[in-house]
Protein backbone atom coordinates (compact mmCIF):
# COMPACT_ATOMS: atom_id res chain seq x y z
CA MET A 1 -9.18 -5.43 -17.55
CA PHE A 2 -6.26 -7.65 -16.55
CA GLY A 3 -3.90 -4.71 -16.82
CA SER A 4 -5.63 -2.92 -13.96
CA LEU A 5 -5.09 -5.98 -11.75
CA PHE A 6 -1.62 -6.89 -13.03
CA ILE A 7 -0.36 -3.40 -12.25
CA LEU A 8 -0.92 -4.12 -8.55
CA LEU A 9 1.85 -6.72 -8.76
CA LEU A 10 4.27 -4.03 -9.97
CA LEU A 11 3.52 -1.71 -7.06
CA PRO A 12 6.46 -2.81 -4.86
CA ILE A 13 8.82 -2.17 -7.78
CA LEU A 14 7.35 1.22 -8.67
CA ASP A 15 7.41 2.59 -5.11
CA THR A 16 10.70 4.49 -4.88
CA LYS A 17 10.33 5.93 -1.37
CA ARG A 18 12.97 4.89 1.16
CA THR A 19 10.56 5.28 4.07
CA ARG A 20 7.36 3.31 4.22
CA GLY A 21 4.08 4.77 5.35
CA ASN A 22 2.46 8.15 4.84
CA LYS A 23 2.36 9.40 8.42
CA PHE A 24 5.06 12.03 7.82
CA SER A 25 4.54 12.40 4.09
CA PRO A 26 2.20 15.20 2.98
CA LEU A 27 2.68 14.41 -0.70
CA GLY A 28 2.04 10.75 0.01
CA LYS A 29 -1.22 11.57 1.79
CA ILE A 30 -2.46 13.61 -1.16
CA ASN A 31 -1.35 10.88 -3.53
CA PHE A 32 -3.13 8.26 -1.43
CA TRP A 33 -6.48 10.05 -1.36
CA LEU A 34 -6.34 10.61 -5.10
CA MET A 35 -6.68 6.87 -5.73
CA PRO A 36 -10.00 6.27 -3.86
CA VAL A 37 -11.51 9.26 -5.64
CA ILE A 38 -10.47 7.86 -9.03
CA VAL A 39 -11.73 4.36 -8.21
CA LEU A 40 -15.08 5.59 -6.86
CA MET A 41 -15.64 7.81 -9.88
CA LEU A 42 -14.74 4.96 -12.26
CA GLY A 43 -17.23 2.75 -10.41
CA TRP A 44 -19.92 5.39 -10.71
CA LEU A 45 -19.18 5.86 -14.42
CA GLY A 46 -19.39 2.11 -14.95
CA GLY A 47 -23.02 2.21 -13.86
CA ASN A 48 -23.99 4.94 -16.33
CA HIS A 49 -24.98 4.60 -19.97
CA PRO A 50 -22.16 4.98 -22.51
CA GLU A 51 -23.14 8.46 -23.59
CA PHE A 52 -21.22 11.63 -24.45
CA PRO A 53 -19.93 13.01 -21.17
CA TYR A 54 -19.47 9.67 -19.42
CA THR A 55 -17.20 8.05 -22.00
CA GLU A 56 -14.81 11.01 -22.10
CA ILE A 57 -14.70 11.29 -18.32
CA GLY A 58 -14.09 7.55 -18.13
CA GLN A 59 -11.16 7.80 -20.54
CA VAL A 60 -9.57 10.60 -18.52
CA LEU A 61 -10.07 8.71 -15.25
CA THR A 62 -8.65 5.52 -16.78
CA PHE A 63 -5.56 7.47 -17.82
CA LEU A 64 -5.30 8.89 -14.27
CA TYR A 65 -5.66 5.37 -12.80
CA PHE A 66 -2.65 4.09 -14.72
CA ALA A 67 -0.76 7.37 -14.31
CA TRP A 68 -1.15 7.02 -10.55
CA PHE A 69 0.94 3.84 -10.66
CA PHE A 70 3.46 4.76 -13.37
CA ILE A 71 3.87 8.51 -12.77
CA PHE A 72 2.51 9.73 -9.42
CA ILE A 73 3.95 7.05 -7.12
CA PRO A 74 7.53 7.11 -8.51
CA VAL A 75 7.61 10.92 -8.76
CA VAL A 76 6.36 11.40 -5.19
CA GLY A 77 8.98 8.92 -3.98
CA ILE A 78 11.79 10.68 -5.84
CA VAL A 79 10.69 14.13 -4.62
CA GLU A 80 10.42 12.99 -1.00
CA ASN A 81 13.79 11.21 -1.13
CA THR A 82 15.37 14.35 -2.56
CA LEU A 83 13.80 16.56 0.12
CA VAL A 84 15.01 14.23 2.87
CA ASP A 85 18.53 14.20 1.39
CA ILE A 86 18.58 18.01 1.30
CA ALA A 87 17.21 18.37 4.84
CA LEU A 88 19.42 15.84 6.64
CA PRO A 89 23.12 16.56 7.20
CA HIS A 90 25.50 13.99 5.80
CA ASN A 91 28.24 12.51 7.96
CA THR A 92 31.56 12.71 6.11
CA SER A 93 33.51 10.27 8.30
CA SER A 94 33.88 6.66 7.24
CA ASN A 95 32.57 5.39 10.58
CA PRO A 96 29.48 7.28 11.74
CA GLY A 97 30.12 6.38 15.40
CA THR A 98 33.48 8.15 15.63
CA ASN A 99 34.28 11.82 15.90
CA LYS A 100 37.43 13.05 14.09
CA ASN A 101 37.96 15.89 16.56
CA ASN A 102 38.56 13.47 19.47
CA GLU A 103 41.40 11.50 17.85
């Protein structure tokens, strides 16, 4: 039980995105909406009797809860950083404000 709360303290360390916010991040939006679905389903399962289908679904959703922090968030950050690095041109000069052709 404390692990699910303690993991929230690790969130700033696990977030690998250089840009903050999900306004221009389609993968981040999908990743965001995955968490409320998992939490709501875990809450619903907590109110049911510990019978056959509910315990197995609860185990899968518990794995997805922790995977969201340890796998989904870092992977989405790495993928988005890589896509931004590929899309943006890199300036090869040592001073980005100067133009080598005007020297």
